[in-house]
Amino acid sequence: FRSYVVEQAVSSAESALNSAISRIDDREDKLEAKERELRQEGLTDEQRQRIRERIREVRGEIRDARRDARQSEDDLHHARIEARMVIGMIGGRYGVW
């Protein structure tokens, strides 16, 4: 049972990391699009201000996603250590198959 729980922890941490990486990529694409939009000619001051505000929001979302990715990397590292310990316990108790 414990090996199943550990496997699920590894799988969950991998999924969270992949999700965070995907969010980073998505937000970086949005940031690039908004920066291109800001460089367009003929925008009013109000339009430029709204775009700048959205750029700030997207940068914050990127920071949050990077923080989540770092946390997920840590969680994955710890889950893998736990998995190795459980495998070692099982191997020590039942021998290698």
Protein backbone atom coordinates (compact mmCIF):
# COMPACT_ATOMS: atom_id res chain seq x y z
CA PHE A 1 0.00 0.00 0.00
CA ARG A 2 2.76 2.42 0.89
CA SER A 3 4.46 1.91 -2.46
CA TYR A 4 1.16 2.85 -4.17
CA VAL A 5 0.90 6.05 -2.10
CA VAL A 6 4.51 6.96 -2.93
CA GLU A 7 3.93 6.29 -6.64
CA GLN A 8 0.89 8.55 -6.53
CA ALA A 9 2.92 11.29 -4.82
CA VAL A 10 5.56 11.11 -7.57
CA SER A 11 2.88 11.14 -10.27
CA SER A 12 1.07 14.07 -8.66
CA ALA A 13 4.28 16.09 -8.31
CA GLU A 14 5.19 15.39 -11.96
CA SER A 15 1.73 16.52 -13.05
CA ALA A 16 1.93 19.72 -10.98
CA LEU A 17 5.36 20.49 -12.42
CA ASN A 18 4.16 19.93 -15.99
CA SER A 19 1.14 22.13 -15.33
CA ALA A 20 3.30 24.95 -13.95
CA ILE A 21 5.68 24.73 -16.90
CA SER A 22 2.73 24.86 -19.28
CA ARG A 23 1.37 27.95 -17.47
CA ILE A 24 4.77 29.63 -17.72
CA ASP A 25 4.92 28.98 -21.47
CA ASP A 26 1.35 30.20 -21.97
CA ARG A 27 1.88 33.39 -19.96
CA GLU A 28 5.18 34.13 -21.70
CA ASP A 29 3.36 33.88 -25.04
CA LYS A 30 0.68 36.25 -23.74
CA LEU A 31 3.35 38.65 -22.50
CA GLU A 32 5.05 38.71 -25.89
CA ALA A 33 1.71 39.35 -27.60
CA LYS A 34 0.88 42.23 -25.26
CA GLU A 35 4.35 43.75 -25.72
CA ARG A 36 3.86 43.58 -29.51
CA GLU A 37 0.44 45.16 -29.08
CA LEU A 38 1.93 47.98 -27.03
CA ARG A 39 4.38 48.78 -29.84
CA GLN A 40 1.58 49.32 -32.34
CA GLU A 41 1.05 52.75 -33.81
CA GLY A 42 -2.12 54.72 -33.23
CA LEU A 43 -3.00 53.56 -29.72
CA THR A 44 -4.59 56.06 -27.37
CA ASP A 45 -3.02 56.78 -23.99
CA GLU A 46 -5.89 54.92 -22.35
CA GLN A 47 -5.32 51.85 -24.54
CA ARG A 48 -1.60 51.92 -23.78
CA GLN A 49 -2.33 52.15 -20.06
CA ARG A 50 -4.68 49.15 -20.18
CA ILE A 51 -2.07 47.14 -22.08
CA ARG A 52 0.64 48.10 -19.57
CA GLU A 53 -1.63 47.03 -16.71
CA ARG A 54 -2.24 43.68 -18.38
CA ILE A 55 1.52 43.29 -18.95
CA ARG A 56 2.07 43.81 -15.21
CA GLU A 57 -0.63 41.24 -14.42
CA VAL A 58 0.87 38.69 -16.80
CA ARG A 59 4.35 39.22 -15.34
CA GLY A 60 2.87 38.53 -11.90
CA GLU A 61 1.24 35.36 -13.25
CA ILE A 62 4.62 34.28 -14.65
CA ARG A 63 6.27 34.87 -11.26
CA ASP A 64 3.53 32.84 -9.57
CA ALA A 65 3.86 30.00 -12.08
CA ARG A 66 7.65 29.95 -11.65
CA ARG A 67 7.22 29.79 -7.88
CA ASP A 68 4.75 26.93 -8.32
CA ALA A 69 7.22 25.16 -10.63
CA ARG A 70 10.01 25.47 -8.05
CA GLN A 71 7.69 24.10 -5.35
CA SER A 72 6.65 21.25 -7.63
CA GLU A 73 10.30 20.46 -8.36
CA ASP A 74 10.96 20.29 -4.62
CA ASP A 75 7.88 18.12 -4.07
CA LEU A 76 8.97 15.80 -6.90
CA HIS A 77 12.48 15.55 -5.49
CA HIS A 78 11.15 14.59 -2.05
CA ALA A 79 8.63 12.14 -3.50
CA ARG A 80 11.39 10.41 -5.47
CA ILE A 81 13.55 10.16 -2.35
CA GLU A 82 10.60 8.62 -0.49
CA ALA A 83 10.04 6.20 -3.38
CA ARG A 84 13.67 5.08 -3.26
CA MET A 85 13.39 4.54 0.48
CA VAL A 86 10.24 2.45 0.09
CA ILE A 87 11.81 0.40 -2.70
CA GLY A 88 14.85 -0.12 -0.48
CA MET A 89 12.63 -1.26 2.40
CA ILE A 90 10.71 -3.67 0.18
CA GLY A 91 13.92 -4.99 -1.36
CA GLY A 92 15.48 -5.45 2.07
CA ARG A 93 12.43 -7.17 3.41
CA TYR A 94 11.50 -9.39 0.46
CA GLY A 95 14.70 -9.57 -1.53
CA VAL A 96 15.27 -8.57 -5.12
CA TRP A 97 13.07 -10.28 -7.69
